[in-house]
Amino acid sequence: MSETLVMQTDLDRLAERVEKAAALIQQLREDRSRLEGERNLLSERVRELEHNLQGQDVPALMQEVSALRRAQRDWENERRDVASRVESLVMKLEKLEA
């Protein structure tokens, strides 16, 4: 009798493990399907971007990027100059008010 009980317990544990494995397999299938969909969307986006870039002159784009970076540095320098002037004016106003 105890052998039958042990066998039943083993079968119950095995059934539980099989159910967990089946649930895990189902989850993995769903994940795979979702990831395949994301991959397809990203692949299509890459194709669109590549199509948009075709025919564009890469060296010209690089020059444009460099020019934009120079302009950005110029604006940052000008911003710093204006900030220091404003600070100077604020200090002068504080001295006048005192």
PDB file of N, CA and C in Angstrom:
ATOM      1  N   MET A   1       0.812  -1.188   0.000  1.00  0.00           N
ATOM      2  CA  MET A   1       0.000   0.000   0.000  1.00  0.00           C
ATOM      3  C   MET A   1       0.859   1.257   0.000  1.00  0.00           C
ATOM      4  N   SER A   2       1.904   1.250   0.829  1.00  0.00           N
ATOM      5  CA  SER A   2       2.754   2.433   0.865  1.00  0.00           C
ATOM      6  C   SER A   2       3.472   2.614  -0.466  1.00  0.00           C
ATOM      7  N   GLU A   3       3.759   1.512  -1.134  1.00  0.00           N
ATOM      8  CA  GLU A   3       4.395   1.608  -2.451  1.00  0.00           C
ATOM      9  C   GLU A   3       3.449   2.259  -3.457  1.00  0.00           C
ATOM     10  N   THR A   4       2.181   1.968  -3.376  1.00  0.00           N
ATOM     11  CA  THR A   4       1.177   2.577  -4.243  1.00  0.00           C
ATOM     12  C   THR A   4       1.065   4.063  -3.935  1.00  0.00           C
ATOM     13  N   LEU A   5       1.115   4.405  -2.655  1.00  0.00           N
ATOM     14  CA  LEU A   5       1.044   5.805  -2.238  1.00  0.00           C
ATOM     15  C   LEU A   5       2.252   6.576  -2.744  1.00  0.00           C
ATOM     16  N   VAL A   6       3.422   5.972  -2.649  1.00  0.00           N
ATOM     17  CA  VAL A   6       4.645   6.614  -3.134  1.00  0.00           C
ATOM     18  C   VAL A   6       4.563   6.794  -4.647  1.00  0.00           C
ATOM     19  N   MET A   7       4.072   5.773  -5.342  1.00  0.00           N
ATOM     20  CA  MET A   7       3.960   5.854  -6.791  1.00  0.00           C
ATOM     21  C   MET A   7       2.973   6.949  -7.187  1.00  0.00           C
ATOM     22  N   GLN A   8       1.872   7.067  -6.446  1.00  0.00           N
ATOM     23  CA  GLN A   8       0.885   8.100  -6.732  1.00  0.00           C
ATOM     24  C   GLN A   8       1.484   9.482  -6.499  1.00  0.00           C
ATOM     25  N   THR A   9       2.243   9.647  -5.413  1.00  0.00           N
ATOM     26  CA  THR A   9       2.899  10.922  -5.120  1.00  0.00           C
ATOM     27  C   THR A   9       3.903  11.263  -6.215  1.00  0.00           C
ATOM     28  N   ASP A  10       4.673  10.279  -6.651  1.00  0.00           N
ATOM     29  CA  ASP A  10       5.628  10.505  -7.735  1.00  0.00           C
ATOM     30  C   ASP A  10       4.911  10.908  -9.017  1.00  0.00           C
ATOM     31  N   LEU A  11       3.797  10.242  -9.302  1.00  0.00           N
ATOM     32  CA  LEU A  11       3.025  10.585 -10.497  1.00  0.00           C
ATOM     33  C   LEU A  11       2.447  11.992 -10.393  1.00  0.00           C
ATOM     34  N   ASP A  12       1.999  12.371  -9.202  1.00  0.00           N
ATOM     35  CA  ASP A  12       1.476  13.726  -9.002  1.00  0.00           C
ATOM     36  C   ASP A  12       2.571  14.767  -9.231  1.00  0.00           C
ATOM     37  N   ARG A  13       3.748  14.494  -8.692  1.00  0.00           N
ATOM     38  CA  ARG A  13       4.874  15.424  -8.889  1.00  0.00           C
ATOM     39  C   ARG A  13       5.252  15.505 -10.361  1.00  0.00           C
ATOM     40  N   LEU A  14       5.273  14.366 -11.016  1.00  0.00           N
ATOM     41  CA  LEU A  14       5.602  14.339 -12.438  1.00  0.00           C
ATOM     42  C   LEU A  14       4.560  15.106 -13.243  1.00  0.00           C
ATOM     43  N   ALA A  15       3.292  14.916 -12.912  1.00  0.00           N
ATOM     44  CA  ALA A  15       2.223  15.641 -13.604  1.00  0.00           C
ATOM     45  C   ALA A  15       2.371  17.143 -13.393  1.00  0.00           C
ATOM     46  N   GLU A  16       2.715  17.536 -12.186  1.00  0.00           N
ATOM     47  CA  GLU A  16       2.915  18.961 -11.884  1.00  0.00           C
ATOM     48  C   GLU A  16       4.079  19.526 -12.694  1.00  0.00           C
ATOM     49  N   ARG A  17       5.159  18.766 -12.768  1.00  0.00           N
ATOM     50  CA  ARG A  17       6.321  19.218 -13.541  1.00  0.00           C
ATOM     51  C   ARG A  17       5.985  19.315 -15.020  1.00  0.00           C
ATOM     52  N   VAL A  18       5.210  18.360 -15.536  1.00  0.00           N
ATOM     53  CA  VAL A  18       4.811  18.390 -16.946  1.00  0.00           C
ATOM     54  C   VAL A  18       3.943  19.608 -17.216  1.00  0.00           C
ATOM     55  N   GLU A  19       3.014  19.914 -16.308  1.00  0.00           N
ATOM     56  CA  GLU A  19       2.158  21.091 -16.469  1.00  0.00           C
ATOM     57  C   GLU A  19       2.984  22.372 -16.456  1.00  0.00           C
ATOM     58  N   LYS A  20       3.947  22.460 -15.550  1.00  0.00           N
ATOM     59  CA  LYS A  20       4.816  23.644 -15.502  1.00  0.00           C
ATOM     60  C   LYS A  20       5.620  23.769 -16.790  1.00  0.00           C
ATOM     61  N   ALA A  21       6.137  22.634 -17.271  1.00  0.00           N
ATOM     62  CA  ALA A  21       6.920  22.656 -18.510  1.00  0.00           C
ATOM     63  C   ALA A  21       6.046  23.080 -19.681  1.00  0.00           C
ATOM     64  N   ALA A  22       4.809  22.582 -19.730  1.00  0.00           N
ATOM     65  CA  ALA A  22       3.894  22.955 -20.811  1.00  0.00           C
ATOM     66  C   ALA A  22       3.582  24.448 -20.761  1.00  0.00           C
ATOM     67  N   ALA A  23       3.365  24.978 -19.557  1.00  0.00           N
ATOM     68  CA  ALA A  23       3.100  26.414 -19.414  1.00  0.00           C
ATOM     69  C   ALA A  23       4.311  27.225 -19.848  1.00  0.00           C
ATOM     70  N   LEU A  24       5.487  26.757 -19.488  1.00  0.00           N
ATOM     71  CA  LEU A  24       6.710  27.453 -19.881  1.00  0.00           C
ATOM     72  C   LEU A  24       6.883  27.430 -21.397  1.00  0.00           C
ATOM     73  N   ILE A  25       6.619  26.289 -22.010  1.00  0.00           N
ATOM     74  CA  ILE A  25       6.727  26.185 -23.471  1.00  0.00           C
ATOM     75  C   ILE A  25       5.743  27.132 -24.140  1.00  0.00           C
ATOM     76  N   GLN A  26       4.524  27.208 -23.616  1.00  0.00           N
ATOM     77  CA  GLN A  26       3.530  28.114 -24.187  1.00  0.00           C
ATOM     78  C   GLN A  26       3.992  29.565 -24.061  1.00  0.00           C
ATOM     79  N   GLN A  27       4.527  29.921 -22.905  1.00  0.00           N
ATOM     80  CA  GLN A  27       5.029  31.288 -22.699  1.00  0.00           C
ATOM     81  C   GLN A  27       6.169  31.595 -23.659  1.00  0.00           C
ATOM     82  N   LEU A  28       7.071  30.634 -23.844  1.00  0.00           N
ATOM     83  CA  LEU A  28       8.191  30.835 -24.764  1.00  0.00           C
ATOM     84  C   LEU A  28       7.699  31.000 -26.195  1.00  0.00           C
ATOM     85  N   ARG A  29       6.675  30.246 -26.574  1.00  0.00           N
ATOM     86  CA  ARG A  29       6.112  30.393 -27.923  1.00  0.00           C
ATOM     87  C   ARG A  29       5.511  31.777 -28.110  1.00  0.00           C
ATOM     88  N   GLU A  30       4.788  32.249 -27.096  1.00  0.00           N
ATOM     89  CA  GLU A  30       4.204  33.589 -27.170  1.00  0.00           C
ATOM     90  C   GLU A  30       5.298  34.646 -27.257  1.00  0.00           C
ATOM     91  N   ASP A  31       6.340  34.488 -26.452  1.00  0.00           N
ATOM     92  CA  ASP A  31       7.462  35.434 -26.489  1.00  0.00           C
ATOM     93  C   ASP A  31       8.130  35.425 -27.855  1.00  0.00           C
ATOM     94  N   ARG A  32       8.335  34.222 -28.403  1.00  0.00           N
ATOM     95  CA  ARG A  32       8.964  34.115 -29.719  1.00  0.00           C
ATOM     96  C   ARG A  32       8.116  34.813 -30.775  1.00  0.00           C
ATOM     97  N   SER A  33       6.814  34.604 -30.718  1.00  0.00           N
ATOM     98  CA  SER A  33       5.914  35.238 -31.677  1.00  0.00           C
ATOM     99  C   SER A  33       5.973  36.758 -31.559  1.00  0.00           C
ATOM    100  N   ARG A  34       5.953  37.245 -30.316  1.00  0.00           N
ATOM    101  CA  ARG A  34       6.027  38.696 -30.093  1.00  0.00           C
ATOM    102  C   ARG A  34       7.351  39.253 -30.606  1.00  0.00           C
ATOM    103  N   LEU A  35       8.444  38.558 -30.312  1.00  0.00           N
ATOM    104  CA  LEU A  35       9.765  39.024 -30.746  1.00  0.00           C
ATOM    105  C   LEU A  35       9.907  38.978 -32.264  1.00  0.00           C
ATOM    106  N   GLU A  36       9.311  37.979 -32.897  1.00  0.00           N
ATOM    107  CA  GLU A  36       9.344  37.929 -34.360  1.00  0.00           C
ATOM    108  C   GLU A  36       8.605  39.121 -34.950  1.00  0.00           C
ATOM    109  N   GLY A  37       7.476  39.483 -34.341  1.00  0.00           N
ATOM    110  CA  GLY A  37       6.737  40.660 -34.798  1.00  0.00           C
ATOM    111  C   GLY A  37       7.557  41.928 -34.646  1.00  0.00           C
ATOM    112  N   GLU A  38       8.218  42.073 -33.488  1.00  0.00           N
ATOM    113  CA  GLU A  38       9.073  43.247 -33.270  1.00  0.00           C
ATOM    114  C   GLU A  38      10.221  43.271 -34.268  1.00  0.00           C
ATOM    115  N   ARG A  39      10.825  42.103 -34.506  1.00  0.00           N
ATOM    116  CA  ARG A  39      11.928  42.020 -35.464  1.00  0.00           C
ATOM    117  C   ARG A  39      11.464  42.435 -36.854  1.00  0.00           C
ATOM    118  N   ASN A  40      10.284  41.973 -37.249  1.00  0.00           N
ATOM    119  CA  ASN A  40       9.765  42.329 -38.568  1.00  0.00           C
ATOM    120  C   ASN A  40       9.514  43.828 -38.676  1.00  0.00           C
ATOM    121  N   LEU A  41       8.963  44.415 -37.614  1.00  0.00           N
ATOM    122  CA  LEU A  41       8.737  45.866 -37.624  1.00  0.00           C
ATOM    123  C   LEU A  41      10.058  46.625 -37.728  1.00  0.00           C
ATOM    124  N   LEU A  42      11.046  46.195 -36.947  1.00  0.00           N
ATOM    125  CA  LEU A  42      12.341  46.876 -36.977  1.00  0.00           C
ATOM    126  C   LEU A  42      13.040  46.682 -38.317  1.00  0.00           C
ATOM    127  N   SER A  43      12.909  45.501 -38.898  1.00  0.00           N
ATOM    128  CA  SER A  43      13.510  45.264 -40.213  1.00  0.00           C
ATOM    129  C   SER A  43      12.889  46.179 -41.255  1.00  0.00           C
ATOM    130  N   GLU A  44      11.580  46.338 -41.187  1.00  0.00           N
ATOM    131  CA  GLU A  44      10.900  47.229 -42.128  1.00  0.00           C
ATOM    132  C   GLU A  44      11.354  48.671 -41.916  1.00  0.00           C
ATOM    133  N   ARG A  45      11.518  49.054 -40.665  1.00  0.00           N
ATOM    134  CA  ARG A  45      11.974  50.424 -40.382  1.00  0.00           C
ATOM    135  C   ARG A  45      13.388  50.651 -40.919  1.00  0.00           C
ATOM    136  N   VAL A  46      14.261  49.654 -40.755  1.00  0.00           N
ATOM    137  CA  VAL A  46      15.624  49.762 -41.285  1.00  0.00           C
ATOM    138  C   VAL A  46      15.576  49.909 -42.801  1.00  0.00           C
ATOM    139  N   ARG A  47      14.725  49.110 -43.448  1.00  0.00           N
ATOM    140  CA  ARG A  47      14.610  49.218 -44.913  1.00  0.00           C
ATOM    141  C   ARG A  47      14.141  50.607 -45.322  1.00  0.00           C
ATOM    142  N   GLU A  48      13.159  51.148 -44.584  1.00  0.00           N
ATOM    143  CA  GLU A  48      12.669  52.491 -44.899  1.00  0.00           C
ATOM    144  C   GLU A  48      13.770  53.530 -44.735  1.00  0.00           C
ATOM    145  N   LEU A  49      14.519  53.432 -43.632  1.00  0.00           N
ATOM    146  CA  LEU A  49      15.596  54.399 -43.396  1.00  0.00           C
ATOM    147  C   LEU A  49      16.692  54.269 -44.444  1.00  0.00           C
ATOM    148  N   GLU A  50      17.027  53.039 -44.802  1.00  0.00           N
ATOM    149  CA  GLU A  50      18.034  52.846 -45.845  1.00  0.00           C
ATOM    150  C   GLU A  50      17.549  53.427 -47.163  1.00  0.00           C
ATOM    151  N   HIS A  51      16.271  53.242 -47.455  1.00  0.00           N
ATOM    152  CA  HIS A  51      15.715  53.793 -48.693  1.00  0.00           C
ATOM    153  C   HIS A  51      15.775  55.322 -48.671  1.00  0.00           C
ATOM    154  N   ASN A  52      15.468  55.908 -47.516  1.00  0.00           N
ATOM    155  CA  ASN A  52      15.515  57.371 -47.399  1.00  0.00           C
ATOM    156  C   ASN A  52      16.933  57.905 -47.562  1.00  0.00           C
ATOM    157  N   LEU A  53      17.924  57.126 -47.125  1.00  0.00           N
ATOM    158  CA  LEU A  53      19.310  57.586 -47.207  1.00  0.00           C
ATOM    159  C   LEU A  53      19.935  57.333 -48.572  1.00  0.00           C
ATOM    160  N   GLN A  54      19.346  56.454 -49.354  1.00  0.00           N
ATOM    161  CA  GLN A  54      19.924  56.157 -50.665  1.00  0.00           C
ATOM    162  C   GLN A  54      19.921  57.411 -51.523  1.00  0.00           C
ATOM    163  N   GLY A  55      20.998  57.586 -52.225  1.00  0.00           N
ATOM    164  CA  GLY A  55      21.115  58.727 -53.115  1.00  0.00           C
ATOM    165  C   GLY A  55      21.613  59.979 -52.421  1.00  0.00           C
ATOM    166  N   GLN A  56      21.729  59.950 -51.115  1.00  0.00           N
ATOM    167  CA  GLN A  56      22.246  61.122 -50.421  1.00  0.00           C
ATOM    168  C   GLN A  56      23.758  61.016 -50.353  1.00  0.00           C
ATOM    169  N   ASP A  57      24.380  62.145 -50.483  1.00  0.00           N
ATOM    170  CA  ASP A  57      25.838  62.210 -50.492  1.00  0.00           C
ATOM    171  C   ASP A  57      26.343  62.177 -49.048  1.00  0.00           C
ATOM    172  N   VAL A  58      26.958  61.064 -48.673  1.00  0.00           N
ATOM    173  CA  VAL A  58      27.426  60.897 -47.291  1.00  0.00           C
ATOM    174  C   VAL A  58      28.450  61.964 -46.906  1.00  0.00           C
ATOM    175  N   PRO A  59      29.450  62.267 -47.738  1.00  0.00           N
ATOM    176  CA  PRO A  59      30.387  63.336 -47.356  1.00  0.00           C
ATOM    177  C   PRO A  59      29.686  64.682 -47.147  1.00  0.00           C
ATOM    178  N   ALA A  60      28.680  64.958 -47.967  1.00  0.00           N
ATOM    179  CA  ALA A  60      27.940  66.212 -47.791  1.00  0.00           C
ATOM    180  C   ALA A  60      27.190  66.204 -46.464  1.00  0.00           C
ATOM    181  N   LEU A  61      26.623  65.051 -46.119  1.00  0.00           N
ATOM    182  CA  LEU A  61      25.929  64.948 -44.835  1.00  0.00           C
ATOM    183  C   LEU A  61      26.903  65.134 -43.679  1.00  0.00           C
ATOM    184  N   MET A  62      28.107  64.566 -43.805  1.00  0.00           N
ATOM    185  CA  MET A  62      29.114  64.716 -42.755  1.00  0.00           C
ATOM    186  C   MET A  62      29.534  66.176 -42.618  1.00  0.00           C
ATOM    187  N   GLN A  63      29.675  66.872 -43.735  1.00  0.00           N
ATOM    188  CA  GLN A  63      30.020  68.298 -43.681  1.00  0.00           C
ATOM    189  C   GLN A  63      28.907  69.088 -43.005  1.00  0.00           C
ATOM    190  N   GLU A  64      27.664  68.727 -43.321  1.00  0.00           N
ATOM    191  CA  GLU A  64      26.538  69.418 -42.705  1.00  0.00           C
ATOM    192  C   GLU A  64      26.520  69.184 -41.195  1.00  0.00           C
ATOM    193  N   VAL A  65      26.800  67.959 -40.783  1.00  0.00           N
ATOM    194  CA  VAL A  65      26.858  67.650 -39.351  1.00  0.00           C
ATOM    195  C   VAL A  65      27.965  68.462 -38.687  1.00  0.00           C
ATOM    196  N   SER A  66      29.125  68.544 -39.334  1.00  0.00           N
ATOM    197  CA  SER A  66      30.234  69.328 -38.778  1.00  0.00           C
ATOM    198  C   SER A  66      29.856  70.798 -38.662  1.00  0.00           C
ATOM    199  N   ALA A  67      29.199  71.321 -39.692  1.00  0.00           N
ATOM    200  CA  ALA A  67      28.778  72.722 -39.656  1.00  0.00           C
ATOM    201  C   ALA A  67      27.776  72.951 -38.528  1.00  0.00           C
ATOM    202  N   LEU A  68      26.873  72.010 -38.344  1.00  0.00           N
ATOM    203  CA  LEU A  68      25.892  72.146 -37.264  1.00  0.00           C
ATOM    204  C   LEU A  68      26.566  72.088 -35.897  1.00  0.00           C
ATOM    205  N   ARG A  69      27.571  71.243 -35.767  1.00  0.00           N
ATOM    206  CA  ARG A  69      28.304  71.174 -34.494  1.00  0.00           C
ATOM    207  C   ARG A  69      29.045  72.479 -34.225  1.00  0.00           C
ATOM    208  N   ARG A  70      29.664  73.054 -35.270  1.00  0.00           N
ATOM    209  CA  ARG A  70      30.343  74.342 -35.100  1.00  0.00           C
ATOM    210  C   ARG A  70      29.343  75.414 -34.684  1.00  0.00           C
ATOM    211  N   ALA A  71      28.185  75.431 -35.339  1.00  0.00           N
ATOM    212  CA  ALA A  71      27.161  76.417 -34.997  1.00  0.00           C
ATOM    213  C   ALA A  71      26.699  76.223 -33.554  1.00  0.00           C
ATOM    214  N   GLN A  72      26.575  74.969 -33.146  1.00  0.00           N
ATOM    215  CA  GLN A  72      26.177  74.689 -31.769  1.00  0.00           C
ATOM    216  C   GLN A  72      27.220  75.216 -30.791  1.00  0.00           C
ATOM    217  N   ARG A  73      28.504  74.994 -31.085  1.00  0.00           N
ATOM    218  CA  ARG A  73      29.565  75.517 -30.208  1.00  0.00           C
ATOM    219  C   ARG A  73      29.527  77.038 -30.166  1.00  0.00           C
ATOM    220  N   ASP A  74      29.306  77.668 -31.319  1.00  0.00           N
ATOM    221  CA  ASP A  74      29.225  79.131 -31.354  1.00  0.00           C
ATOM    222  C   ASP A  74      28.073  79.630 -30.479  1.00  0.00           C
ATOM    223  N   TRP A  75      26.919  78.981 -30.593  1.00  0.00           N
ATOM    224  CA  TRP A  75      25.768  79.388 -29.785  1.00  0.00           C
ATOM    225  C   TRP A  75      26.041  79.181 -28.305  1.00  0.00           C
ATOM    226  N   GLU A  76      26.719  78.084 -27.966  1.00  0.00           N
ATOM    227  CA  GLU A  76      27.047  77.835 -26.558  1.00  0.00           C
ATOM    228  C   GLU A  76      28.008  78.895 -26.034  1.00  0.00           C
ATOM    229  N   ASN A  77      29.000  79.266 -26.836  1.00  0.00           N
ATOM    230  CA  ASN A  77      29.935  80.323 -26.425  1.00  0.00           C
ATOM    231  C   ASN A  77      29.206  81.644 -26.251  1.00  0.00           C
ATOM    232  N   GLU A  78      28.328  81.959 -27.189  1.00  0.00           N
ATOM    233  CA  GLU A  78      27.580  83.206 -27.099  1.00  0.00           C
ATOM    234  C   GLU A  78      26.679  83.195 -25.861  1.00  0.00           C
ATOM    235  N   ARG A  79      26.083  82.059 -25.584  1.00  0.00           N
ATOM    236  CA  ARG A  79      25.232  81.927 -24.403  1.00  0.00           C
ATOM    237  C   ARG A  79      26.038  82.165 -23.128  1.00  0.00           C
ATOM    238  N   ARG A  80      27.254  81.608 -23.079  1.00  0.00           N
ATOM    239  CA  ARG A  80      28.111  81.827 -21.905  1.00  0.00           C
ATOM    240  C   ARG A  80      28.464  83.306 -21.762  1.00  0.00           C
ATOM    241  N   ASP A  81      28.784  83.956 -22.889  1.00  0.00           N
ATOM    242  CA  ASP A  81      29.110  85.383 -22.849  1.00  0.00           C
ATOM    243  C   ASP A  81      27.931  86.194 -22.320  1.00  0.00           C
ATOM    244  N   VAL A  82      26.748  85.905 -22.817  1.00  0.00           N
ATOM    245  CA  VAL A  82      25.559  86.638 -22.372  1.00  0.00           C
ATOM    246  C   VAL A  82      25.320  86.385 -20.887  1.00  0.00           C
ATOM    247  N   ALA A  83      25.503  85.138 -20.448  1.00  0.00           N
ATOM    248  CA  ALA A  83      25.299  84.813 -19.035  1.00  0.00           C
ATOM    249  C   ALA A  83      26.277  85.581 -18.159  1.00  0.00           C
ATOM    250  N   SER A  84      27.538  85.678 -18.586  1.00  0.00           N
ATOM    251  CA  SER A  84      28.512  86.416 -17.768  1.00  0.00           C
ATOM    252  C   SER A  84      28.188  87.906 -17.766  1.00  0.00           C
ATOM    253  N   ARG A  85      27.709  88.443 -18.881  1.00  0.00           N
ATOM    254  CA  ARG A  85      27.317  89.858 -18.913  1.00  0.00           C
ATOM    255  C   ARG A  85      26.141  90.111 -17.977  1.00  0.00           C
ATOM    256  N   VAL A  86      25.180  89.198 -18.005  1.00  0.00           N
ATOM    257  CA  VAL A  86      24.018  89.355 -17.126  1.00  0.00           C
ATOM    258  C   VAL A  86      24.466  89.304 -15.667  1.00  0.00           C
ATOM    259  N   GLU A  87      25.360  88.387 -15.329  1.00  0.00           N
ATOM    260  CA  GLU A  87      25.872  88.310 -13.960  1.00  0.00           C
ATOM    261  C   GLU A  87      26.571  89.604 -13.579  1.00  0.00           C
ATOM    262  N   SER A  88      27.351  90.134 -14.499  1.00  0.00           N
ATOM    263  CA  SER A  88      28.055  91.387 -14.232  1.00  0.00           C
ATOM    264  C   SER A  88      27.063  92.519 -13.986  1.00  0.00           C
ATOM    265  N   LEU A  89      26.025  92.590 -14.812  1.00  0.00           N
ATOM    266  CA  LEU A  89      25.013  93.635 -14.635  1.00  0.00           C
ATOM    267  C   LEU A  89      24.261  93.462 -13.314  1.00  0.00           C
ATOM    268  N   VAL A  90      23.983  92.226 -12.939  1.00  0.00           N
ATOM    269  CA  VAL A  90      23.292  91.974 -11.670  1.00  0.00           C
ATOM    270  C   VAL A  90      24.163  92.437 -10.512  1.00  0.00           C
ATOM    271  N   MET A  91      25.463  92.161 -10.564  1.00  0.00           N
ATOM    272  CA  MET A  91      26.366  92.608  -9.495  1.00  0.00           C
ATOM    273  C   MET A  91      26.407  94.126  -9.423  1.00  0.00           C
ATOM    274  N   LYS A  92      26.441  94.784 -10.588  1.00  0.00           N
ATOM    275  CA  LYS A  92      26.461  96.250 -10.601  1.00  0.00           C
ATOM    276  C   LYS A  92      25.174  96.800 -10.005  1.00  0.00           C
ATOM    277  N   LEU A  93      24.035  96.179 -10.349  1.00  0.00           N
ATOM    278  CA  LEU A  93      22.761  96.630  -9.783  1.00  0.00           C
ATOM    279  C   LEU A  93      22.726  96.439  -8.272  1.00  0.00           C
ATOM    280  N   GLU A  94      23.266  95.322  -7.806  1.00  0.00           N
ATOM    281  CA  GLU A  94      23.294  95.072  -6.367  1.00  0.00           C
ATOM    282  C   GLU A  94      24.148  96.119  -5.661  1.00  0.00           C
ATOM    283  N   LYS A  95      25.272  96.509  -6.300  1.00  0.00           N
ATOM    284  CA  LYS A  95      26.126  97.539  -5.704  1.00  0.00           C
ATOM    285  C   LYS A  95      25.402  98.877  -5.669  1.00  0.00           C
ATOM    286  N   LEU A  96      24.662  99.194  -6.742  1.00  0.00           N
ATOM    287  CA  LEU A  96      23.936 100.460  -6.789  1.00  0.00           C
ATOM    288  C   LEU A  96      22.816 100.500  -5.748  1.00  0.00           C
ATOM    289  N   GLU A  97      22.185  99.369  -5.517  1.00  0.00           N
ATOM    290  CA  GLU A  97      21.097  99.320  -4.547  1.00  0.00           C
ATOM    291  C   GLU A  97      21.619  99.418  -3.118  1.00  0.00           C
ATOM    292  N   ALA A  98      22.875  99.030  -2.896  1.00  0.00           N
ATOM    293  CA  ALA A  98      23.427  99.032  -1.541  1.00  0.00           C
ATOM    294  C   ALA A  98      23.850 100.391  -1.091  1.00  0.00           C
TER     295      ALA A  98
END
